[in-house]
Amino acid sequence: MLRKMIIIGLVVVLSLFSIGAAAAANQPAPRQFDLPIKVLYNARQVASDVQPEVKNNVVFVPFRAIANALGANLDVTPDWKTITFVRGDRKVTITIGSKTAYVNGQKQELLAAPYATKGRTMVPTRFVSEQLGETVEWDSLSRYVWIGHKNVPALEEVTEKVKIDPYLKYFNGKSADDVLKIWDYNSPDFGMHHKTVRFVKETDWPLAIGNITISRIDRVTFNGKDYFRIISTKKGTLGTPLYLLQSGQPLKMRPENTSMREYAGDWRAFYNPVIDADDEIYLGIKDYKKFKLKDVEYIGLQIGSDSVILMENYFK
């Protein structure tokens, strides 16, 4: 009898795993949003005062931005029309308006010609990077151009801990105690409040936080409603809850809308509503639909860490 019950139990467990796997496999392609493209070198965003642009399905970046990121030397003609990148034994020469390039003196054809805009000369990211010896990968889910390795740094490598005391004034309301608490059973401070906070900037993504990686967090609109879209490797039933901090207002939780979750290999797209009826149910805010994201100072990520994790609101 016991053996029979064990077999039945195993069948049930395996069935649940099969159902979950089938559900993920049968998901349609993730929704596409016109988000800013980011170019990354060795898993860090390439700094540039001009956003990458797409022309003829080719991603272009300012030539100095890609040269600085890859550590390439530059040789520019006096008229600023022809640019040569030099890196080790590789030499790549391109000219504004021309689809002909030269790699170590050998002619090659470009898919789209370099061009000038806003006082910057834009060059094809993939061509220049690959010809200088780097691997390049396009990530359609995150709209990232990955150049070089993809070893995403840990939160602790990119951010610093600061005392939380100056920010405690934002933690008001019923849920504040929960997000401040340390929930790690292995911590000697389990059940106590965090004493430090780490701040994440938009340019810090992607980051590894604990055992998950977050690629990016954006604000998107779908069917007339605004959502926080979190691209993450997090698995399991629950997504990553966010919470909103606003001066003089109670903390507002923003859990995932699980019905909208999308799958793309090891990655998931989670959607947390910007405006949520829970504000009326749990906080008694009758006019919750009048909420404005621009009034929020900080957005918190409820993830296990050595500190509270806050993003300065870059959606204003």
C-alpha atoms as a PDB file:
ATOM      1  CA  MET A   1       0.000   0.000   0.000  1.00  0.00           C
ATOM      2  CA  LEU A   2       2.801   2.404   0.964  1.00  0.00           C
ATOM      3  CA  ARG A   3       4.636   1.633  -2.288  1.00  0.00           C
ATOM      4  CA  LYS A   4       1.456   2.360  -4.252  1.00  0.00           C
ATOM      5  CA  MET A   5       0.986   5.711  -2.492  1.00  0.00           C
ATOM      6  CA  ILE A   6       4.597   6.677  -3.208  1.00  0.00           C
ATOM      7  CA  ILE A   7       4.148   5.859  -6.901  1.00  0.00           C
ATOM      8  CA  ILE A   8       0.925   7.897  -7.041  1.00  0.00           C
ATOM      9  CA  GLY A   9       2.682  10.794  -5.349  1.00  0.00           C
ATOM     10  CA  LEU A  10       5.535  10.700  -7.836  1.00  0.00           C
ATOM     11  CA  VAL A  11       3.097  10.624 -10.746  1.00  0.00           C
ATOM     12  CA  VAL A  12       1.297  13.702  -9.387  1.00  0.00           C
ATOM     13  CA  VAL A  13       4.558  15.608  -8.884  1.00  0.00           C
ATOM     14  CA  LEU A  14       5.841  14.707 -12.345  1.00  0.00           C
ATOM     15  CA  SER A  15       2.499  15.690 -13.853  1.00  0.00           C
ATOM     16  CA  LEU A  16       2.702  19.104 -12.232  1.00  0.00           C
ATOM     17  CA  PHE A  17       6.212  19.613 -13.602  1.00  0.00           C
ATOM     18  CA  SER A  18       5.026  18.495 -17.046  1.00  0.00           C
ATOM     19  CA  ILE A  19       2.086  20.887 -16.947  1.00  0.00           C
ATOM     20  CA  GLY A  20       4.363  23.754 -15.947  1.00  0.00           C
ATOM     21  CA  ALA A  21       6.876  22.928 -18.667  1.00  0.00           C
ATOM     22  CA  ALA A  22       4.127  22.584 -21.268  1.00  0.00           C
ATOM     23  CA  ALA A  23       2.608  25.905 -20.225  1.00  0.00           C
ATOM     24  CA  ALA A  24       5.966  27.622 -20.685  1.00  0.00           C
ATOM     25  CA  ALA A  25       6.585  25.851 -23.999  1.00  0.00           C
ATOM     26  CA  ASN A  26       3.170  26.827 -25.371  1.00  0.00           C
ATOM     27  CA  GLN A  27       3.567  30.508 -24.565  1.00  0.00           C
ATOM     28  CA  PRO A  28       3.394  32.880 -27.544  1.00  0.00           C
ATOM     29  CA  ALA A  29       6.377  35.066 -28.361  1.00  0.00           C
ATOM     30  CA  PRO A  30       6.862  37.808 -25.743  1.00  0.00           C
ATOM     31  CA  ARG A  31       5.255  41.160 -26.440  1.00  0.00           C
ATOM     32  CA  GLN A  32       7.488  43.661 -28.186  1.00  0.00           C
ATOM     33  CA  PHE A  33       7.775  47.239 -26.946  1.00  0.00           C
ATOM     34  CA  ASP A  34       9.619  50.167 -28.482  1.00  0.00           C
ATOM     35  CA  LEU A  35      12.090  50.453 -25.608  1.00  0.00           C
ATOM     36  CA  PRO A  36      15.460  52.207 -25.857  1.00  0.00           C
ATOM     37  CA  ILE A  37      18.133  49.871 -27.192  1.00  0.00           C
ATOM     38  CA  LYS A  38      21.109  49.393 -24.877  1.00  0.00           C
ATOM     39  CA  VAL A  39      24.589  48.386 -25.998  1.00  0.00           C
ATOM     40  CA  LEU A  40      26.563  46.393 -23.439  1.00  0.00           C
ATOM     41  CA  TYR A  41      30.242  45.537 -23.345  1.00  0.00           C
ATOM     42  CA  ASN A  42      31.165  42.729 -20.954  1.00  0.00           C
ATOM     43  CA  ALA A  43      27.695  43.021 -19.375  1.00  0.00           C
ATOM     44  CA  ARG A  44      27.996  46.762 -18.649  1.00  0.00           C
ATOM     45  CA  GLN A  45      26.074  49.468 -20.476  1.00  0.00           C
ATOM     46  CA  VAL A  46      28.181  51.473 -22.908  1.00  0.00           C
ATOM     47  CA  ALA A  47      28.059  55.128 -21.869  1.00  0.00           C
ATOM     48  CA  SER A  48      26.923  57.528 -24.569  1.00  0.00           C
ATOM     49  CA  ASP A  49      25.254  60.932 -24.742  1.00  0.00           C
ATOM     50  CA  VAL A  50      23.339  59.795 -27.840  1.00  0.00           C
ATOM     51  CA  GLN A  51      21.004  56.802 -27.765  1.00  0.00           C
ATOM     52  CA  PRO A  52      21.718  53.875 -30.116  1.00  0.00           C
ATOM     53  CA  GLU A  53      19.585  53.986 -33.252  1.00  0.00           C
ATOM     54  CA  VAL A  54      18.294  51.369 -35.687  1.00  0.00           C
ATOM     55  CA  LYS A  55      18.440  51.828 -39.450  1.00  0.00           C
ATOM     56  CA  ASN A  56      17.777  48.993 -41.911  1.00  0.00           C
ATOM     57  CA  ASN A  57      17.800  46.537 -38.990  1.00  0.00           C
ATOM     58  CA  VAL A  58      21.313  47.649 -38.018  1.00  0.00           C
ATOM     59  CA  VAL A  59      22.063  49.127 -34.586  1.00  0.00           C
ATOM     60  CA  PHE A  60      24.237  52.240 -34.747  1.00  0.00           C
ATOM     61  CA  VAL A  61      26.189  53.894 -31.926  1.00  0.00           C
ATOM     62  CA  PRO A  62      28.463  56.958 -31.735  1.00  0.00           C
ATOM     63  CA  PHE A  63      31.934  55.913 -32.895  1.00  0.00           C
ATOM     64  CA  ARG A  64      33.695  57.292 -29.812  1.00  0.00           C
ATOM     65  CA  ALA A  65      31.388  55.407 -27.449  1.00  0.00           C
ATOM     66  CA  ILE A  66      32.160  52.025 -29.006  1.00  0.00           C
ATOM     67  CA  ALA A  67      35.865  52.832 -29.376  1.00  0.00           C
ATOM     68  CA  ASN A  68      36.149  53.829 -25.711  1.00  0.00           C
ATOM     69  CA  ALA A  69      34.263  50.729 -24.558  1.00  0.00           C
ATOM     70  CA  LEU A  70      36.412  48.333 -26.604  1.00  0.00           C
ATOM     71  CA  GLY A  71      39.660  50.166 -25.909  1.00  0.00           C
ATOM     72  CA  ALA A  72      40.298  50.875 -29.590  1.00  0.00           C
ATOM     73  CA  ASN A  73      42.478  53.719 -30.838  1.00  0.00           C
ATOM     74  CA  LEU A  74      41.048  56.125 -33.406  1.00  0.00           C
ATOM     75  CA  ASP A  75      42.399  57.799 -36.515  1.00  0.00           C
ATOM     76  CA  VAL A  76      40.035  60.369 -38.036  1.00  0.00           C
ATOM     77  CA  THR A  77      40.576  62.295 -41.287  1.00  0.00           C
ATOM     78  CA  PRO A  78      40.516  66.123 -41.096  1.00  0.00           C
ATOM     79  CA  ASP A  79      37.068  66.271 -42.684  1.00  0.00           C
ATOM     80  CA  TRP A  80      35.755  63.800 -40.032  1.00  0.00           C
ATOM     81  CA  LYS A  81      34.286  61.594 -42.725  1.00  0.00           C
ATOM     82  CA  THR A  82      36.603  58.594 -42.521  1.00  0.00           C
ATOM     83  CA  ILE A  83      37.286  56.825 -39.223  1.00  0.00           C
ATOM     84  CA  THR A  84      39.774  54.064 -38.541  1.00  0.00           C
ATOM     85  CA  PHE A  85      39.544  51.864 -35.444  1.00  0.00           C
ATOM     86  CA  VAL A  86      42.776  50.168 -34.348  1.00  0.00           C
ATOM     87  CA  ARG A  87      42.825  47.393 -31.763  1.00  0.00           C
ATOM     88  CA  GLY A  88      45.755  45.024 -31.547  1.00  0.00           C
ATOM     89  CA  ASP A  89      46.417  43.702 -35.043  1.00  0.00           C
ATOM     90  CA  ARG A  90      42.956  44.689 -36.293  1.00  0.00           C
ATOM     91  CA  LYS A  91      42.283  47.846 -38.305  1.00  0.00           C
ATOM     92  CA  VAL A  92      38.742  48.802 -39.396  1.00  0.00           C
ATOM     93  CA  THR A  93      38.098  51.807 -41.653  1.00  0.00           C
ATOM     94  CA  ILE A  94      34.655  53.201 -42.430  1.00  0.00           C
ATOM     95  CA  THR A  95      33.398  56.346 -44.164  1.00  0.00           C
ATOM     96  CA  ILE A  96      30.244  58.376 -43.585  1.00  0.00           C
ATOM     97  CA  GLY A  97      27.690  57.699 -46.323  1.00  0.00           C
ATOM     98  CA  SER A  98      29.560  54.701 -47.747  1.00  0.00           C
ATOM     99  CA  LYS A  99      28.621  51.027 -47.436  1.00  0.00           C
ATOM    100  CA  THR A 100      32.195  50.046 -48.247  1.00  0.00           C
ATOM    101  CA  ALA A 101      34.508  49.355 -45.309  1.00  0.00           C
ATOM    102  CA  TYR A 102      38.056  48.047 -45.044  1.00  0.00           C
ATOM    103  CA  VAL A 103      39.299  45.485 -42.533  1.00  0.00           C
ATOM    104  CA  ASN A 104      43.098  45.204 -42.496  1.00  0.00           C
ATOM    105  CA  GLY A 105      43.027  46.604 -46.025  1.00  0.00           C
ATOM    106  CA  GLN A 106      40.440  44.122 -47.323  1.00  0.00           C
ATOM    107  CA  LYS A 107      37.216  45.532 -48.753  1.00  0.00           C
ATOM    108  CA  GLN A 108      33.936  44.556 -47.057  1.00  0.00           C
ATOM    109  CA  GLU A 109      30.355  45.646 -47.673  1.00  0.00           C
ATOM    110  CA  LEU A 110      28.183  47.030 -44.879  1.00  0.00           C
ATOM    111  CA  LEU A 111      24.445  46.407 -44.540  1.00  0.00           C
ATOM    112  CA  ALA A 112      23.943  50.124 -43.901  1.00  0.00           C
ATOM    113  CA  ALA A 113      26.218  53.130 -44.233  1.00  0.00           C
ATOM    114  CA  PRO A 114      27.529  55.173 -41.277  1.00  0.00           C
ATOM    115  CA  TYR A 115      25.928  58.592 -40.904  1.00  0.00           C
ATOM    116  CA  ALA A 116      26.062  61.780 -38.841  1.00  0.00           C
ATOM    117  CA  THR A 117      23.300  62.971 -36.504  1.00  0.00           C
ATOM    118  CA  LYS A 118      23.117  65.460 -33.630  1.00  0.00           C
ATOM    119  CA  GLY A 119      26.790  66.205 -34.063  1.00  0.00           C
ATOM    120  CA  ARG A 120      27.757  62.540 -33.680  1.00  0.00           C
ATOM    121  CA  THR A 121      29.001  60.030 -36.235  1.00  0.00           C
ATOM    122  CA  MET A 122      27.050  56.779 -35.923  1.00  0.00           C
ATOM    123  CA  VAL A 123      28.689  53.486 -36.852  1.00  0.00           C
ATOM    124  CA  PRO A 124      27.308  49.911 -37.159  1.00  0.00           C
ATOM    125  CA  THR A 125      27.776  48.268 -33.762  1.00  0.00           C
ATOM    126  CA  ARG A 126      27.966  44.618 -34.803  1.00  0.00           C
ATOM    127  CA  PHE A 127      30.323  45.147 -37.732  1.00  0.00           C
ATOM    128  CA  VAL A 128      32.840  47.263 -35.845  1.00  0.00           C
ATOM    129  CA  SER A 129      32.763  45.057 -32.738  1.00  0.00           C
ATOM    130  CA  GLU A 130      33.086  41.747 -34.587  1.00  0.00           C
ATOM    131  CA  GLN A 131      35.854  43.007 -36.849  1.00  0.00           C
ATOM    132  CA  LEU A 132      37.749  44.138 -33.748  1.00  0.00           C
ATOM    133  CA  GLY A 133      37.551  40.589 -32.410  1.00  0.00           C
ATOM    134  CA  GLU A 134      34.476  40.602 -30.158  1.00  0.00           C
ATOM    135  CA  THR A 135      31.421  38.351 -30.128  1.00  0.00           C
ATOM    136  CA  VAL A 136      28.094  40.122 -30.571  1.00  0.00           C
ATOM    137  CA  GLU A 137      24.585  38.922 -29.728  1.00  0.00           C
ATOM    138  CA  TRP A 138      21.206  40.603 -30.159  1.00  0.00           C
ATOM    139  CA  ASP A 139      18.750  40.091 -27.289  1.00  0.00           C
ATOM    140  CA  SER A 140      15.256  40.864 -28.601  1.00  0.00           C
ATOM    141  CA  LEU A 141      13.559  40.428 -25.212  1.00  0.00           C
ATOM    142  CA  SER A 142      15.682  43.026 -23.415  1.00  0.00           C
ATOM    143  CA  ARG A 143      16.600  44.956 -26.587  1.00  0.00           C
ATOM    144  CA  TYR A 144      20.256  44.596 -25.664  1.00  0.00           C
ATOM    145  CA  VAL A 145      23.265  44.317 -27.934  1.00  0.00           C
ATOM    146  CA  TRP A 146      25.635  42.108 -25.935  1.00  0.00           C
ATOM    147  CA  ILE A 147      29.297  42.568 -26.873  1.00  0.00           C
ATOM    148  CA  GLY A 148      31.975  40.416 -25.258  1.00  0.00           C
ATOM    149  CA  HIS A 149      31.178  38.210 -22.275  1.00  0.00           C
ATOM    150  CA  LYS A 150      27.818  38.052 -20.474  1.00  0.00           C
ATOM    151  CA  ASN A 151      29.036  37.630 -16.891  1.00  0.00           C
ATOM    152  CA  VAL A 152      26.562  39.891 -15.131  1.00  0.00           C
ATOM    153  CA  PRO A 153      28.023  41.473 -11.965  1.00  0.00           C
ATOM    154  CA  ALA A 154      26.441  41.059  -8.559  1.00  0.00           C
ATOM    155  CA  LEU A 155      24.504  43.875  -6.921  1.00  0.00           C
ATOM    156  CA  GLU A 156      27.243  44.113  -4.296  1.00  0.00           C
ATOM    157  CA  GLU A 157      29.902  44.758  -6.972  1.00  0.00           C
ATOM    158  CA  VAL A 158      28.060  47.690  -8.513  1.00  0.00           C
ATOM    159  CA  THR A 159      26.347  49.413  -5.580  1.00  0.00           C
ATOM    160  CA  GLU A 160      27.360  50.515  -2.096  1.00  0.00           C
ATOM    161  CA  LYS A 161      25.527  50.117   1.174  1.00  0.00           C
ATOM    162  CA  VAL A 162      24.434  53.348   2.846  1.00  0.00           C
ATOM    163  CA  LYS A 163      22.587  53.883   6.109  1.00  0.00           C
ATOM    164  CA  ILE A 164      18.844  53.656   5.693  1.00  0.00           C
ATOM    165  CA  ASP A 165      17.979  56.180   8.427  1.00  0.00           C
ATOM    166  CA  PRO A 166      17.505  59.228   6.120  1.00  0.00           C
ATOM    167  CA  TYR A 167      15.036  57.215   4.013  1.00  0.00           C
ATOM    168  CA  LEU A 168      12.909  55.664   6.747  1.00  0.00           C
ATOM    169  CA  LYS A 169      10.497  58.606   6.487  1.00  0.00           C
ATOM    170  CA  TYR A 170       9.248  57.075   3.221  1.00  0.00           C
ATOM    171  CA  PHE A 171       8.371  53.725   4.814  1.00  0.00           C
ATOM    172  CA  ASN A 172       4.841  54.371   6.052  1.00  0.00           C
ATOM    173  CA  GLY A 173       1.711  52.246   6.166  1.00  0.00           C
ATOM    174  CA  LYS A 174       0.719  48.623   6.708  1.00  0.00           C
ATOM    175  CA  SER A 175       3.313  46.995   4.439  1.00  0.00           C
ATOM    176  CA  ALA A 176       6.341  49.018   5.532  1.00  0.00           C
ATOM    177  CA  ASP A 177       7.322  46.641   8.318  1.00  0.00           C
ATOM    178  CA  ASP A 178       7.320  43.638   5.970  1.00  0.00           C
ATOM    179  CA  VAL A 179       9.611  45.183   3.347  1.00  0.00           C
ATOM    180  CA  LEU A 180      12.040  46.436   5.982  1.00  0.00           C
ATOM    181  CA  LYS A 181      12.347  43.068   7.713  1.00  0.00           C
ATOM    182  CA  ILE A 182      15.164  40.593   7.158  1.00  0.00           C
ATOM    183  CA  TRP A 183      13.517  37.335   6.083  1.00  0.00           C
ATOM    184  CA  ASP A 184      16.656  35.210   5.717  1.00  0.00           C
ATOM    185  CA  TYR A 185      16.323  32.397   8.261  1.00  0.00           C
ATOM    186  CA  ASN A 186      20.098  31.912   8.203  1.00  0.00           C
ATOM    187  CA  SER A 187      20.779  35.495   9.204  1.00  0.00           C
ATOM    188  CA  PRO A 188      21.479  36.251  12.871  1.00  0.00           C
ATOM    189  CA  ASP A 189      19.339  39.358  12.335  1.00  0.00           C
ATOM    190  CA  PHE A 190      16.295  37.405  11.106  1.00  0.00           C
ATOM    191  CA  GLY A 191      13.106  39.319  11.867  1.00  0.00           C
ATOM    192  CA  MET A 192      14.913  42.592  12.490  1.00  0.00           C
ATOM    193  CA  HIS A 193      14.864  45.614  10.196  1.00  0.00           C
ATOM    194  CA  HIS A 194      17.498  46.297   7.571  1.00  0.00           C
ATOM    195  CA  LYS A 195      19.880  49.059   8.579  1.00  0.00           C
ATOM    196  CA  THR A 196      21.249  49.746   5.111  1.00  0.00           C
ATOM    197  CA  VAL A 197      19.992  50.415   1.598  1.00  0.00           C
ATOM    198  CA  ARG A 198      21.475  49.945  -1.875  1.00  0.00           C
ATOM    199  CA  PHE A 199      20.463  52.265  -4.715  1.00  0.00           C
ATOM    200  CA  VAL A 200      20.215  51.002  -8.291  1.00  0.00           C
ATOM    201  CA  LYS A 201      20.363  53.362 -11.263  1.00  0.00           C
ATOM    202  CA  GLU A 202      18.868  52.709 -14.687  1.00  0.00           C
ATOM    203  CA  THR A 203      22.387  52.451 -16.105  1.00  0.00           C
ATOM    204  CA  ASP A 204      23.294  49.710 -13.577  1.00  0.00           C
ATOM    205  CA  TRP A 205      21.251  46.977 -15.296  1.00  0.00           C
ATOM    206  CA  PRO A 206      21.754  44.072 -15.751  1.00  0.00           C
ATOM    207  CA  LEU A 207      22.485  42.882 -12.206  1.00  0.00           C
ATOM    208  CA  ALA A 208      22.652  39.576 -10.361  1.00  0.00           C
ATOM    209  CA  ILE A 209      20.735  39.781  -7.087  1.00  0.00           C
ATOM    210  CA  GLY A 210      21.038  36.672  -4.988  1.00  0.00           C
ATOM    211  CA  ASN A 211      20.281  33.678  -7.200  1.00  0.00           C
ATOM    212  CA  ILE A 212      18.455  35.622  -9.928  1.00  0.00           C
ATOM    213  CA  THR A 213      19.515  38.032 -12.655  1.00  0.00           C
ATOM    214  CA  ILE A 214      17.469  41.073 -13.611  1.00  0.00           C
ATOM    215  CA  SER A 215      18.139  42.322 -17.118  1.00  0.00           C
ATOM    216  CA  ARG A 216      16.164  45.567 -16.968  1.00  0.00           C
ATOM    217  CA  ILE A 217      13.032  47.195 -15.547  1.00  0.00           C
ATOM    218  CA  ASP A 218      10.942  49.466 -17.761  1.00  0.00           C
ATOM    219  CA  ARG A 219       7.576  51.153 -17.820  1.00  0.00           C
ATOM    220  CA  VAL A 220       5.397  49.885 -20.665  1.00  0.00           C
ATOM    221  CA  THR A 221       1.809  50.353 -21.800  1.00  0.00           C
ATOM    222  CA  PHE A 222      -0.359  47.413 -22.840  1.00  0.00           C
ATOM    223  CA  ASN A 223      -4.085  47.592 -23.666  1.00  0.00           C
ATOM    224  CA  GLY A 224      -4.221  51.114 -22.275  1.00  0.00           C
ATOM    225  CA  LYS A 225      -2.704  50.201 -18.891  1.00  0.00           C
ATOM    226  CA  ASP A 226       0.772  50.957 -17.564  1.00  0.00           C
ATOM    227  CA  TYR A 227       3.017  48.257 -16.126  1.00  0.00           C
ATOM    228  CA  PHE A 228       6.489  47.808 -14.752  1.00  0.00           C
ATOM    229  CA  ARG A 229       8.080  45.202 -17.010  1.00  0.00           C
ATOM    230  CA  ILE A 230      10.780  43.171 -15.268  1.00  0.00           C
ATOM    231  CA  ILE A 231      13.026  40.914 -17.349  1.00  0.00           C
ATOM    232  CA  SER A 232      14.447  38.334 -14.965  1.00  0.00           C
ATOM    233  CA  THR A 233      15.618  34.745 -14.576  1.00  0.00           C
ATOM    234  CA  LYS A 234      13.399  34.316 -11.519  1.00  0.00           C
ATOM    235  CA  LYS A 235      11.494  31.048 -11.515  1.00  0.00           C
ATOM    236  CA  GLY A 236       8.656  29.827  -9.357  1.00  0.00           C
ATOM    237  CA  THR A 237       5.087  30.860  -8.722  1.00  0.00           C
ATOM    238  CA  LEU A 238       5.651  34.430  -7.579  1.00  0.00           C
ATOM    239  CA  GLY A 239       7.350  37.214  -9.471  1.00  0.00           C
ATOM    240  CA  THR A 240       9.301  40.067  -7.902  1.00  0.00           C
ATOM    241  CA  PRO A 241       7.031  42.414  -5.937  1.00  0.00           C
ATOM    242  CA  LEU A 242       7.793  46.109  -6.251  1.00  0.00           C
ATOM    243  CA  TYR A 243       6.753  48.854  -3.869  1.00  0.00           C
ATOM    244  CA  LEU A 244       6.405  52.593  -4.317  1.00  0.00           C
ATOM    245  CA  LEU A 245       7.687  55.198  -1.869  1.00  0.00           C
ATOM    246  CA  GLN A 246       6.236  58.676  -1.885  1.00  0.00           C
ATOM    247  CA  SER A 247       6.658  61.445   0.669  1.00  0.00           C
ATOM    248  CA  GLY A 248       3.654  61.706   2.996  1.00  0.00           C
ATOM    249  CA  GLN A 249       1.972  58.625   1.489  1.00  0.00           C
ATOM    250  CA  PRO A 250       1.676  54.992   2.632  1.00  0.00           C
ATOM    251  CA  LEU A 251       3.926  52.460   0.944  1.00  0.00           C
ATOM    252  CA  LYS A 252       2.121  50.961  -2.060  1.00  0.00           C
ATOM    253  CA  MET A 253       2.787  47.349  -3.045  1.00  0.00           C
ATOM    254  CA  ARG A 254       2.897  46.378  -6.708  1.00  0.00           C
ATOM    255  CA  PRO A 255       2.844  42.561  -7.079  1.00  0.00           C
ATOM    256  CA  GLU A 256       3.019  40.803 -10.433  1.00  0.00           C
ATOM    257  CA  ASN A 257      -0.013  40.277 -12.641  1.00  0.00           C
ATOM    258  CA  THR A 258       0.706  36.562 -13.085  1.00  0.00           C
ATOM    259  CA  SER A 259      -1.665  36.162 -16.043  1.00  0.00           C
ATOM    260  CA  MET A 260       0.645  38.329 -18.168  1.00  0.00           C
ATOM    261  CA  ARG A 261       3.910  36.492 -17.525  1.00  0.00           C
ATOM    262  CA  GLU A 262       5.954  35.548 -20.594  1.00  0.00           C
ATOM    263  CA  TYR A 263       8.722  33.016 -21.160  1.00  0.00           C
ATOM    264  CA  ALA A 264      11.813  33.192 -23.364  1.00  0.00           C
ATOM    265  CA  GLY A 265      14.290  30.425 -22.636  1.00  0.00           C
ATOM    266  CA  ASP A 266      15.812  31.019 -19.202  1.00  0.00           C
ATOM    267  CA  TRP A 267      14.245  34.461 -19.022  1.00  0.00           C
ATOM    268  CA  ARG A 268      10.828  35.628 -17.872  1.00  0.00           C
ATOM    269  CA  ALA A 269       8.969  38.884 -18.462  1.00  0.00           C
ATOM    270  CA  PHE A 270       6.955  39.951 -15.420  1.00  0.00           C
ATOM    271  CA  TYR A 271       4.325  42.686 -15.439  1.00  0.00           C
ATOM    272  CA  ASN A 272       3.514  44.622 -12.253  1.00  0.00           C
ATOM    273  CA  PRO A 273       0.718  47.210 -12.584  1.00  0.00           C
ATOM    274  CA  VAL A 274       1.540  50.867 -12.032  1.00  0.00           C
ATOM    275  CA  ILE A 275      -2.011  51.583 -10.821  1.00  0.00           C
ATOM    276  CA  ASP A 276      -3.562  48.894  -8.630  1.00  0.00           C
ATOM    277  CA  ALA A 277      -7.033  48.551  -7.089  1.00  0.00           C
ATOM    278  CA  ASP A 278      -5.336  47.062  -4.017  1.00  0.00           C
ATOM    279  CA  ASP A 279      -4.628  50.651  -2.969  1.00  0.00           C
ATOM    280  CA  GLU A 280      -8.347  51.031  -2.306  1.00  0.00           C
ATOM    281  CA  ILE A 281      -8.824  47.571  -0.789  1.00  0.00           C
ATOM    282  CA  TYR A 282      -5.880  47.622   1.626  1.00  0.00           C
ATOM    283  CA  LEU A 283      -5.090  51.323   2.026  1.00  0.00           C
ATOM    284  CA  GLY A 284      -8.569  52.834   1.710  1.00  0.00           C
ATOM    285  CA  ILE A 285      -7.536  55.144  -1.138  1.00  0.00           C
ATOM    286  CA  LYS A 286     -10.827  55.751  -2.961  1.00  0.00           C
ATOM    287  CA  ASP A 287      -9.325  57.794  -5.779  1.00  0.00           C
ATOM    288  CA  TYR A 288      -6.472  55.344  -6.410  1.00  0.00           C
ATOM    289  CA  LYS A 289      -6.875  55.764 -10.184  1.00  0.00           C
ATOM    290  CA  LYS A 290      -5.527  59.318  -9.865  1.00  0.00           C
ATOM    291  CA  PHE A 291      -2.128  57.979  -8.810  1.00  0.00           C
ATOM    292  CA  LYS A 292       0.787  59.515 -10.756  1.00  0.00           C
ATOM    293  CA  LEU A 293       4.054  57.622 -11.061  1.00  0.00           C
ATOM    294  CA  LYS A 294       5.966  60.887 -11.455  1.00  0.00           C
ATOM    295  CA  ASP A 295       5.177  61.686  -7.805  1.00  0.00           C
ATOM    296  CA  VAL A 296       7.061  58.610  -6.556  1.00  0.00           C
ATOM    297  CA  GLU A 297      10.560  59.189  -5.193  1.00  0.00           C
ATOM    298  CA  TYR A 298      11.778  55.592  -4.968  1.00  0.00           C
ATOM    299  CA  ILE A 299      10.763  52.164  -6.253  1.00  0.00           C
ATOM    300  CA  GLY A 300      11.700  49.215  -4.069  1.00  0.00           C
ATOM    301  CA  LEU A 301      12.447  45.623  -5.059  1.00  0.00           C
ATOM    302  CA  GLN A 302      11.320  43.049  -2.531  1.00  0.00           C
ATOM    303  CA  ILE A 303      14.202  40.619  -3.012  1.00  0.00           C
ATOM    304  CA  GLY A 304      16.320  38.918  -0.382  1.00  0.00           C
ATOM    305  CA  SER A 305      19.557  40.872   0.020  1.00  0.00           C
ATOM    306  CA  ASP A 306      21.910  42.250   2.638  1.00  0.00           C
ATOM    307  CA  SER A 307      20.101  45.587   2.322  1.00  0.00           C
ATOM    308  CA  VAL A 308      16.885  47.188   1.185  1.00  0.00           C
ATOM    309  CA  ILE A 309      17.063  47.681  -2.606  1.00  0.00           C
ATOM    310  CA  LEU A 310      15.715  50.939  -4.034  1.00  0.00           C
ATOM    311  CA  MET A 311      15.683  52.449  -7.494  1.00  0.00           C
ATOM    312  CA  GLU A 312      15.545  56.192  -7.840  1.00  0.00           C
ATOM    313  CA  ASN A 313      12.424  56.756  -9.915  1.00  0.00           C
ATOM    314  CA  TYR A 314      13.804  57.034 -13.443  1.00  0.00           C
ATOM    315  CA  PHE A 315      10.293  56.986 -14.934  1.00  0.00           C
ATOM    316  CA  LYS A 316       9.533  60.629 -14.136  1.00  0.00           C
END
